[in-house]
Amino acid sequence: MFLEVYAIPLNDYSEEAGVSIRPENRRLVETTGIRIRSSAQYADRAEIVMPNKEILIAVGSYDDLLQRLENASEPIARA
């Protein structure tokens, strides 16, 4: 299963979510092996820790991402 997010490399981070929601930041993240956690640096954002230890800042909070996963009655996407 995949999770569709707008993920921002830390060096491109902006406090304004609208600035970060750009087509080049849109990603499908394979949920196998990822961890989602609250960001220690940004209270309103979640971090997605990839299996390779890359950390993506998501446009959304930890609770937002978990709610999306819980509400998905069917997989968001499949390869």
N, C-alpha and C. Protein backbone atom coordinates (compact mmCIF):
# COMPACT_ATOMS: atom_id res chain seq x y z
N MET A 1 0.84 -1.17 0.00
CA MET A 1 0.00 0.00 0.00
C MET A 1 0.89 1.24 0.00
N PHE A 2 0.40 2.27 -0.62
CA PHE A 2 1.12 3.53 -0.72
C PHE A 2 0.33 4.63 -0.02
N LEU A 3 1.03 5.63 0.46
CA LEU A 3 0.44 6.81 1.06
C LEU A 3 0.83 7.99 0.20
N GLU A 4 -0.16 8.73 -0.30
CA GLU A 4 0.12 9.91 -1.12
C GLU A 4 0.29 11.10 -0.20
N VAL A 5 1.44 11.74 -0.29
CA VAL A 5 1.75 12.88 0.57
C VAL A 5 2.48 13.95 -0.23
N TYR A 6 2.52 15.12 0.33
CA TYR A 6 3.43 16.16 -0.13
C TYR A 6 4.57 16.15 0.87
N ALA A 7 5.71 15.70 0.45
CA ALA A 7 6.87 15.56 1.32
C ALA A 7 7.92 16.57 0.92
N ILE A 8 8.46 17.24 1.89
CA ILE A 8 9.38 18.34 1.63
C ILE A 8 10.75 17.99 2.19
N PRO A 9 11.78 18.05 1.34
CA PRO A 9 13.13 17.89 1.88
C PRO A 9 13.36 18.99 2.93
N LEU A 10 14.04 18.68 3.98
CA LEU A 10 14.22 19.61 5.08
C LEU A 10 14.79 20.94 4.63
N ASN A 11 15.69 20.94 3.65
CA ASN A 11 16.29 22.20 3.20
C ASN A 11 15.31 23.07 2.41
N ASP A 12 14.15 22.52 1.99
CA ASP A 12 13.12 23.29 1.28
C ASP A 12 11.92 23.61 2.16
N TYR A 13 12.01 23.31 3.45
CA TYR A 13 10.88 23.46 4.35
C TYR A 13 10.44 24.92 4.46
N SER A 14 9.13 25.12 4.51
CA SER A 14 8.55 26.44 4.73
C SER A 14 7.49 26.32 5.80
N GLU A 15 7.37 27.33 6.64
CA GLU A 15 6.34 27.33 7.69
C GLU A 15 4.94 27.31 7.07
N GLU A 16 4.80 27.89 5.88
CA GLU A 16 3.50 27.94 5.22
C GLU A 16 3.30 26.68 4.38
N ALA A 17 2.28 25.91 4.72
CA ALA A 17 2.01 24.65 4.02
C ALA A 17 1.77 24.88 2.53
N GLY A 18 1.08 25.96 2.18
CA GLY A 18 0.76 26.23 0.79
C GLY A 18 1.98 26.36 -0.10
N VAL A 19 3.06 26.87 0.45
CA VAL A 19 4.30 27.01 -0.30
C VAL A 19 4.88 25.64 -0.63
N SER A 20 4.69 24.69 0.26
CA SER A 20 5.26 23.36 0.10
C SER A 20 4.42 22.45 -0.79
N ILE A 21 3.15 22.78 -0.98
CA ILE A 21 2.27 21.93 -1.79
C ILE A 21 2.48 22.30 -3.26
N ARG A 22 3.50 21.67 -3.82
CA ARG A 22 3.86 21.86 -5.23
C ARG A 22 3.96 20.49 -5.88
N PRO A 23 3.71 20.41 -7.17
CA PRO A 23 3.75 19.10 -7.84
C PRO A 23 5.06 18.34 -7.62
N GLU A 24 6.16 19.03 -7.56
CA GLU A 24 7.45 18.33 -7.39
C GLU A 24 7.61 17.74 -5.99
N ASN A 25 6.77 18.13 -5.03
CA ASN A 25 6.83 17.58 -3.67
C ASN A 25 5.82 16.45 -3.45
N ARG A 26 5.00 16.16 -4.45
CA ARG A 26 4.00 15.10 -4.32
C ARG A 26 4.68 13.74 -4.49
N ARG A 27 4.39 12.84 -3.57
CA ARG A 27 5.01 11.51 -3.61
C ARG A 27 4.03 10.43 -3.20
N LEU A 28 4.23 9.26 -3.76
CA LEU A 28 3.59 8.05 -3.26
C LEU A 28 4.66 7.33 -2.46
N VAL A 29 4.40 7.14 -1.19
CA VAL A 29 5.37 6.51 -0.30
C VAL A 29 4.89 5.10 0.01
N GLU A 30 5.70 4.12 -0.29
CA GLU A 30 5.40 2.72 0.04
C GLU A 30 5.36 2.60 1.56
N THR A 31 4.26 2.11 2.10
CA THR A 31 4.09 2.08 3.55
C THR A 31 4.84 0.94 4.24
N THR A 32 5.30 -0.02 3.48
CA THR A 32 6.06 -1.12 4.08
C THR A 32 7.42 -0.59 4.55
N GLY A 33 7.66 -0.71 5.82
CA GLY A 33 8.96 -0.33 6.36
C GLY A 33 9.09 1.13 6.77
N ILE A 34 8.06 1.94 6.59
CA ILE A 34 8.18 3.33 7.01
C ILE A 34 7.72 3.49 8.45
N ARG A 35 8.15 4.58 9.06
CA ARG A 35 7.66 4.97 10.36
C ARG A 35 7.14 6.39 10.25
N ILE A 36 6.03 6.66 10.89
CA ILE A 36 5.48 8.01 10.94
C ILE A 36 5.60 8.47 12.37
N ARG A 37 6.12 9.68 12.54
CA ARG A 37 6.27 10.23 13.88
C ARG A 37 6.01 11.73 13.85
N SER A 38 5.70 12.27 15.00
CA SER A 38 5.56 13.72 15.11
C SER A 38 6.93 14.34 14.94
N SER A 39 6.95 15.49 14.32
CA SER A 39 8.21 16.17 14.12
C SER A 39 8.62 16.88 15.41
N ALA A 40 9.84 16.67 15.82
CA ALA A 40 10.36 17.34 17.01
C ALA A 40 10.61 18.82 16.73
N GLN A 41 10.83 19.17 15.47
CA GLN A 41 11.14 20.56 15.10
C GLN A 41 9.90 21.38 14.76
N TYR A 42 8.87 20.74 14.23
CA TYR A 42 7.70 21.46 13.72
C TYR A 42 6.44 20.81 14.28
N ALA A 43 5.78 21.47 15.21
CA ALA A 43 4.65 20.89 15.94
C ALA A 43 3.49 20.49 15.04
N ASP A 44 3.30 21.19 13.93
CA ASP A 44 2.16 20.92 13.05
C ASP A 44 2.48 19.95 11.92
N ARG A 45 3.64 19.34 11.94
CA ARG A 45 4.06 18.45 10.86
C ARG A 45 4.45 17.07 11.38
N ALA A 46 4.34 16.11 10.49
CA ALA A 46 4.80 14.75 10.79
C ALA A 46 6.07 14.48 10.00
N GLU A 47 6.82 13.52 10.46
CA GLU A 47 7.99 13.06 9.74
C GLU A 47 7.74 11.63 9.30
N ILE A 48 8.13 11.33 8.08
CA ILE A 48 8.06 9.97 7.56
C ILE A 48 9.51 9.49 7.46
N VAL A 49 9.81 8.45 8.21
CA VAL A 49 11.16 7.89 8.20
C VAL A 49 11.16 6.70 7.25
N MET A 50 11.90 6.83 6.18
CA MET A 50 11.97 5.81 5.15
C MET A 50 12.89 4.68 5.59
N PRO A 51 12.76 3.50 4.96
CA PRO A 51 13.63 2.37 5.32
C PRO A 51 15.13 2.69 5.20
N ASN A 52 15.48 3.59 4.28
CA ASN A 52 16.88 3.97 4.11
C ASN A 52 17.31 5.08 5.07
N LYS A 53 16.43 5.40 6.05
CA LYS A 53 16.66 6.41 7.09
C LYS A 53 16.48 7.85 6.59
N GLU A 54 16.09 8.05 5.30
CA GLU A 54 15.75 9.38 4.82
C GLU A 54 14.53 9.87 5.59
N ILE A 55 14.52 11.12 5.98
CA ILE A 55 13.40 11.69 6.72
C ILE A 55 12.73 12.74 5.85
N LEU A 56 11.42 12.57 5.66
CA LEU A 56 10.61 13.51 4.90
C LEU A 56 9.69 14.25 5.86
N ILE A 57 9.57 15.56 5.69
CA ILE A 57 8.62 16.35 6.45
C ILE A 57 7.34 16.37 5.65
N ALA A 58 6.23 15.93 6.24
CA ALA A 58 4.95 15.86 5.54
C ALA A 58 4.14 17.12 5.79
N VAL A 59 3.36 17.52 4.78
CA VAL A 59 2.42 18.61 4.95
C VAL A 59 1.20 18.01 5.64
N GLY A 60 1.24 18.00 6.95
CA GLY A 60 0.20 17.41 7.77
C GLY A 60 0.81 16.93 9.07
N SER A 61 -0.02 16.81 10.06
CA SER A 61 0.46 16.38 11.37
C SER A 61 0.46 14.86 11.46
N TYR A 62 1.03 14.36 12.52
CA TYR A 62 1.03 12.93 12.80
C TYR A 62 -0.40 12.41 12.82
N ASP A 63 -1.28 13.11 13.54
CA ASP A 63 -2.68 12.69 13.63
C ASP A 63 -3.37 12.72 12.27
N ASP A 64 -3.05 13.73 11.44
CA ASP A 64 -3.62 13.80 10.08
C ASP A 64 -3.27 12.56 9.27
N LEU A 65 -2.01 12.18 9.29
CA LEU A 65 -1.58 11.02 8.50
C LEU A 65 -2.18 9.73 9.03
N LEU A 66 -2.20 9.57 10.34
CA LEU A 66 -2.79 8.35 10.90
C LEU A 66 -4.28 8.28 10.59
N GLN A 67 -4.98 9.40 10.64
CA GLN A 67 -6.41 9.42 10.33
C GLN A 67 -6.64 9.01 8.87
N ARG A 68 -5.80 9.48 7.97
CA ARG A 68 -5.93 9.09 6.56
C ARG A 68 -5.76 7.59 6.40
N LEU A 69 -4.80 7.02 7.10
CA LEU A 69 -4.59 5.57 7.02
C LEU A 69 -5.75 4.80 7.63
N GLU A 70 -6.27 5.26 8.76
CA GLU A 70 -7.39 4.58 9.41
C GLU A 70 -8.66 4.66 8.58
N ASN A 71 -8.87 5.77 7.89
CA ASN A 71 -10.09 5.97 7.10
C ASN A 71 -10.05 5.28 5.74
N ALA A 72 -8.91 4.81 5.35
CA ALA A 72 -8.79 4.17 4.04
C ALA A 72 -9.43 2.78 4.11
N SER A 73 -10.63 2.67 3.56
CA SER A 73 -11.30 1.37 3.58
C SER A 73 -10.66 0.43 2.57
N GLU A 74 -10.05 1.00 1.55
CA GLU A 74 -9.32 0.23 0.56
C GLU A 74 -7.94 0.84 0.46
N PRO A 75 -6.98 0.13 -0.06
CA PRO A 75 -5.65 0.71 -0.20
C PRO A 75 -5.70 2.01 -0.97
N ILE A 76 -4.87 2.95 -0.57
CA ILE A 76 -4.79 4.23 -1.24
C ILE A 76 -4.27 4.06 -2.66
N ALA A 77 -3.31 3.17 -2.82
CA ALA A 77 -2.77 2.84 -4.15
C ALA A 77 -2.02 1.52 -4.04
N ARG A 78 -1.94 0.82 -5.12
CA ARG A 78 -1.15 -0.41 -5.18
C ARG A 78 -0.26 -0.36 -6.41
N ALA A 79 0.90 -0.97 -6.28
CA ALA A 79 1.82 -1.03 -7.42
C ALA A 79 1.44 -2.19 -8.30
